[in-house]
Protein backbone atom coordinates (compact mmCIF):
# COMPACT_ATOMS: atom_id res chain seq x y z
CA MET A 1 21.12 -5.86 22.14
CA ALA A 2 20.51 -9.49 21.25
CA ARG A 3 24.22 -10.25 21.42
CA ASP A 4 24.29 -9.37 25.11
CA MET A 5 21.44 -11.76 25.87
CA SER A 6 21.59 -15.51 26.30
CA ASP A 7 19.58 -17.81 24.05
CA LYS A 8 17.16 -18.47 26.84
CA GLU A 9 16.50 -14.75 27.36
CA ILE A 10 16.00 -14.25 23.61
CA LEU A 11 13.50 -17.10 23.46
CA LYS A 12 11.69 -15.72 26.49
CA MET A 13 11.44 -12.27 24.83
CA GLU A 14 10.18 -13.83 21.57
CA LEU A 15 7.57 -15.80 23.48
CA GLU A 16 6.30 -12.66 25.21
CA GLN A 17 6.01 -10.89 21.82
CA LEU A 18 4.11 -13.82 20.33
CA LYS A 19 1.68 -13.81 23.28
CA LYS A 20 0.97 -10.13 22.55
CA GLU A 21 0.42 -10.79 18.86
CA VAL A 22 -1.92 -13.73 19.45
CA SER A 23 -4.17 -11.71 21.73
CA THR A 24 -4.48 -8.91 19.14
CA ALA A 25 -7.98 -8.72 17.70
CA ARG A 26 -8.19 -9.68 14.02
CA THR A 27 -10.78 -8.67 11.47
CA PRO A 28 -11.41 -10.53 8.26
CA VAL A 29 -10.27 -8.85 5.06
CA ALA A 30 -13.77 -9.10 3.60
CA ALA A 31 -15.07 -6.88 6.39
CA ASN A 32 -12.82 -4.01 5.29
CA CYS A 33 -12.92 -4.67 1.56
CA ALA A 34 -16.29 -2.97 0.88
CA GLU A 35 -15.05 0.27 2.43
CA THR A 36 -11.89 0.20 0.36
CA VAL A 37 -13.75 -0.44 -2.88
CA THR A 38 -16.18 2.40 -2.16
CA PHE A 39 -13.30 4.78 -1.38
CA ALA A 40 -11.42 3.85 -4.58
CA GLU A 41 -14.50 4.14 -6.78
CA ALA A 42 -15.22 7.59 -5.33
CA LEU A 43 -11.79 8.76 -6.48
CA VAL A 44 -12.01 7.34 -10.03
CA PRO A 45 -13.72 10.33 -11.70
CA ASN A 46 -10.92 12.69 -10.68
CA ASP A 47 -7.96 10.34 -11.32
CA PRO A 48 -5.85 11.62 -14.22
CA LEU A 49 -4.35 8.17 -14.79
CA ILE A 50 -7.80 6.75 -15.52
CA LYS A 51 -9.52 9.63 -17.33
CA GLY A 52 -6.39 10.71 -19.20
CA VAL A 53 -4.83 14.09 -19.89
CA PRO A 54 -6.31 16.36 -22.56
CA ASP A 55 -4.06 16.73 -25.63
CA ASP A 56 -3.77 20.50 -25.18
CA LYS A 57 -2.39 20.05 -21.67
CA ASN A 58 -0.21 17.06 -22.44
CA PRO A 59 3.46 18.13 -22.53
CA TYR A 60 4.45 14.93 -24.31
CA LYS A 61 2.09 15.24 -27.27
CA GLY A 62 2.71 16.64 -30.77
CA ASP A 63 5.12 19.51 -31.26
CA LYS A 64 5.81 19.84 -27.54
CA GLY A 65 7.97 16.77 -27.56
CA GLY A 66 7.46 13.17 -26.80
CA CYS A 67 9.01 9.90 -27.78
CA ILE A 68 8.75 7.85 -30.92
CA VAL A 69 9.22 4.11 -30.76
CA THR A 70 10.91 2.78 -33.90
């Protein structure tokens, strides 16, 4: 599409897009950060990567297989 347009038309289109972006409302990151932290902390107790997997359910432990670093 851009190949069919002159440089002037392309610059005009870019300027219109920038005008749209500048008028978009912005919120500071700090305003949203508290909600994100609360959400993540609420999921921590159920996260298997944080609490770990019990040895009896771990397929990579003991006689069920696994890897040995030598």
